[in-house]
């Protein structure tokens, strides 16, 4: 029995963050002013560390779910 699959969600999030970073970097070719720099520092730069924290939390939660699944299976086999 599988409680939930968080792995595929973390893969999608990682890919989306990579795509965002690539697309954002491409804007620097056309958008070269203080507004871009301000937007970058206020909105874009904080995303990386936030995603890293989120991925760490999701991985921990995934470990908890896996442990719970094993314990449930062990209890089933004891019955």
Foldseek 3Di string as FASTA:
>chain_A
DAPDDCPVVLVVVVVVLVVVVVVLVVCCVPDPDVVSVVCCVPPVVVVVVVSVVVVVVSVVVVVVRVVVVVVVVVVVVVD
